[in-house]
């Protein structure tokens, strides 16, 4: 059985002015194996748009995680990986998993960040305006919700589901023991 907790976040005004929050879809689900460390896979805009120069400006570490390089060039063009344990990251991100994630992200043309932490998988799909917007907790915005807005939201839900499904299937067949 698969369980995804889904949230879409947007911006709002508060007493301190405009407060920007993550604009996209955020999902949390249990992972098939309890991990000892943290591995973060995030979309790679720097290297994708700036090439070799972009690689040089990427952070070498991030929140206690070190940048690691994997041996799949197609995956490396789409993602940058940070991990507390490079060996565990390699167990999670097998060649099959890297190929499937690359294929999914390219087919959906999405900016995806995955964080594997302890027994949870966190999925963030960024789109810059939130899904199922312009509906907010305060009512409707000036723009009506279009069919394209709904279609993008459904695509994001489908992408999150497929990521979880493929990771679960792979790691159930090939446990991390």
Protein backbone atom coordinates (compact mmCIF):
# COMPACT_ATOMS: atom_id res chain seq x y z
CA UNK A 1 0.00 0.00 0.00
CA UNK A 2 1.26 3.46 -0.86
CA UNK A 3 0.52 6.54 1.22
CA UNK A 4 1.47 10.06 0.15
CA UNK A 5 0.89 13.17 2.24
CA UNK A 6 0.50 15.96 -0.32
CA UNK A 7 0.72 19.71 0.24
CA UNK A 8 0.77 22.63 -2.15
CA UNK A 9 2.18 25.83 -0.73
CA UNK A 10 1.99 29.36 -2.04
CA UNK A 11 2.59 32.92 -0.86
CA UNK A 12 0.59 34.99 1.58
CA UNK A 13 0.66 38.37 3.28
CA UNK A 14 1.24 38.52 7.01
CA UNK A 15 2.01 41.23 9.60
CA UNK A 16 5.64 41.36 8.43
CA UNK A 17 4.80 41.82 4.74
CA UNK A 18 4.78 39.29 1.93
CA UNK A 19 5.93 35.82 2.94
CA UNK A 20 7.14 33.59 0.11
CA UNK A 21 6.95 29.87 0.61
CA UNK A 22 7.72 26.85 -1.52
CA UNK A 23 5.73 27.07 -4.74
CA UNK A 24 4.92 23.62 -5.97
CA UNK A 25 3.90 20.26 -4.66
CA UNK A 26 5.42 18.66 -1.55
CA UNK A 27 4.85 15.00 -0.67
CA UNK A 28 6.06 12.79 2.19
CA UNK A 29 5.89 9.01 2.21
CA UNK A 30 7.48 6.19 4.20
CA UNK A 31 10.53 4.68 2.51
CA UNK A 32 10.94 0.91 2.16
CA UNK A 33 14.10 0.81 4.30
CA UNK A 34 15.20 2.68 7.40
CA UNK A 35 18.28 4.66 6.45
CA UNK A 36 21.08 5.81 8.72
CA UNK A 37 21.87 9.01 6.89
CA UNK A 38 20.39 11.59 4.59
CA UNK A 39 20.62 11.75 0.81
CA UNK A 40 19.28 14.70 -1.15
CA UNK A 41 18.80 14.61 -4.92
CA UNK A 42 18.00 18.04 -6.32
CA UNK A 43 17.55 19.46 -9.80
CA UNK A 44 20.75 20.87 -11.26
CA UNK A 45 20.15 24.24 -12.89
CA UNK A 46 23.72 25.53 -12.52
CA UNK A 47 25.47 22.83 -14.51
CA UNK A 48 22.57 22.41 -16.94
CA UNK A 49 22.62 26.08 -17.97
CA UNK A 50 26.25 27.05 -17.34
CA UNK A 51 28.00 23.76 -18.15
CA UNK A 52 31.39 23.19 -16.56
CA UNK A 53 31.35 26.68 -15.01
CA UNK A 54 28.06 25.85 -13.31
CA UNK A 55 29.57 22.79 -11.72
CA UNK A 56 32.22 24.99 -10.14
CA UNK A 57 29.68 27.25 -8.43
CA UNK A 58 27.63 24.42 -6.92
CA UNK A 59 27.99 24.08 -3.20
CA UNK A 60 30.46 21.44 -2.09
CA UNK A 61 28.40 20.84 1.00
CA UNK A 62 24.88 21.65 2.11
CA UNK A 63 23.45 21.44 5.62
CA UNK A 64 26.00 18.86 6.78
CA UNK A 65 25.77 16.89 3.54
CA UNK A 66 28.63 16.58 1.07
CA UNK A 67 28.24 16.78 -2.70
CA UNK A 68 28.85 13.42 -4.32
CA UNK A 69 29.30 12.46 -7.95
CA UNK A 70 27.68 9.35 -9.37
CA UNK A 71 28.66 7.45 -12.50
CA UNK A 72 25.60 8.15 -14.65
CA UNK A 73 26.21 11.15 -16.91
CA UNK A 74 22.54 11.56 -17.93
CA UNK A 75 21.53 11.60 -14.24
CA UNK A 76 24.34 14.04 -13.40
CA UNK A 77 23.06 16.44 -16.09
CA UNK A 78 19.66 16.58 -14.39
CA UNK A 79 20.57 16.30 -10.70
CA UNK A 80 23.14 17.15 -8.07
CA UNK A 81 23.38 14.79 -5.07
CA UNK A 82 24.31 15.61 -1.48
CA UNK A 83 24.69 12.88 1.13
CA UNK A 84 25.84 12.28 4.68
CA UNK A 85 26.92 8.75 3.66
CA UNK A 86 28.09 8.28 0.05
CA UNK A 87 27.88 4.49 0.31
CA UNK A 88 24.24 4.63 1.40
CA UNK A 89 23.51 7.12 -1.40
CA UNK A 90 24.93 4.64 -3.93
CA UNK A 91 22.70 1.88 -2.51
CA UNK A 92 19.64 4.11 -2.89
CA UNK A 93 20.59 5.53 -6.28
CA UNK A 94 21.34 2.40 -8.25
CA UNK A 95 21.81 2.60 -12.02
CA UNK A 96 18.20 1.49 -12.53
CA UNK A 97 16.87 4.13 -10.13
CA UNK A 98 18.99 6.88 -11.70
CA UNK A 99 17.81 5.91 -15.20
CA UNK A 100 14.15 5.86 -14.13
CA UNK A 101 14.37 9.20 -12.29
CA UNK A 102 16.10 10.80 -15.27
CA UNK A 103 13.45 9.44 -17.64
CA UNK A 104 10.56 10.62 -15.43
CA UNK A 105 11.95 14.13 -14.89
CA UNK A 106 12.66 14.57 -18.60
CA UNK A 107 9.23 13.30 -19.63
CA UNK A 108 7.42 15.58 -17.15
CA UNK A 109 9.87 18.47 -17.61
CA UNK A 110 9.83 19.07 -13.86
CA UNK A 111 12.19 20.45 -11.22
CA UNK A 112 12.27 17.71 -8.59
CA UNK A 113 14.07 17.39 -5.27
CA UNK A 114 14.07 14.09 -3.38
CA UNK A 115 15.30 13.74 0.18
CA UNK A 116 15.77 10.29 1.72
CA UNK A 117 16.01 10.72 5.48
CA UNK A 118 15.71 7.94 8.05
CA UNK A 119 12.50 6.13 7.07
CA UNK A 120 10.94 8.88 4.93
CA UNK A 121 11.09 10.06 1.35
CA UNK A 122 10.35 13.76 0.80
CA UNK A 123 9.43 14.85 -2.73
CA UNK A 124 9.34 18.49 -3.81
CA UNK A 125 8.16 19.37 -7.31
CA UNK A 126 8.77 23.04 -7.99
CA UNK A 127 6.80 24.96 -10.57
CA UNK A 128 7.09 28.56 -9.37
CA UNK A 129 3.39 29.25 -8.77
CA UNK A 130 1.95 26.35 -6.81
CA UNK A 131 -0.38 23.67 -8.07
CA UNK A 132 -4.11 24.09 -8.19
CA UNK A 133 -3.55 27.81 -7.88
CA UNK A 134 -5.03 30.45 -8.02
CA UNK A 135 -7.40 28.97 -5.42
CA UNK A 136 -6.14 29.95 -1.96
CA UNK A 137 -7.39 29.61 1.56
CA UNK A 138 -8.75 33.16 1.22
CA UNK A 139 -10.80 32.42 -1.87
CA UNK A 140 -10.15 32.99 -5.56
CA UNK A 141 -7.46 35.18 -7.03
CA UNK A 142 -8.06 37.54 -9.94
CA UNK A 143 -7.32 34.79 -12.44
CA UNK A 144 -9.64 31.84 -12.82
CA UNK A 145 -8.40 28.32 -12.54
CA UNK A 146 -7.80 27.03 -16.07
CA UNK A 147 -7.85 23.52 -17.46
CA UNK A 148 -4.07 23.84 -17.96
CA UNK A 149 -3.66 24.61 -14.22
CA UNK A 150 -5.59 21.47 -13.31
CA UNK A 151 -3.67 19.42 -15.87
CA UNK A 152 -0.31 20.58 -14.43
CA UNK A 153 -1.47 19.70 -10.92
CA UNK A 154 -2.55 16.24 -11.99
CA UNK A 155 0.77 15.74 -13.80
CA UNK A 156 2.64 16.68 -10.60
CA UNK A 157 0.58 14.22 -8.55
CA UNK A 158 1.18 11.54 -11.18
CA UNK A 159 4.94 12.26 -11.20
CA UNK A 160 5.16 12.02 -7.39
CA UNK A 161 3.23 8.75 -7.47
CA UNK A 162 5.43 7.28 -10.21
CA UNK A 163 8.64 8.24 -8.38
CA UNK A 164 7.46 6.51 -5.21
CA UNK A 165 6.13 3.51 -7.12
CA UNK A 166 9.38 2.96 -9.00
CA UNK A 167 11.59 3.45 -5.94
CA UNK A 168 9.46 1.11 -3.85
CA UNK A 169 9.32 -1.54 -6.57
CA UNK A 170 13.08 -1.39 -7.14
CA UNK A 171 14.05 -1.50 -3.48
CA UNK A 172 11.55 -4.23 -2.61
CA UNK A 173 13.08 -6.38 -5.35
CA UNK A 174 16.61 -5.27 -4.45
CA UNK A 175 16.56 -4.58 -0.67
CA UNK A 176 19.26 -2.40 0.90
CA UNK A 177 19.92 -5.05 3.59
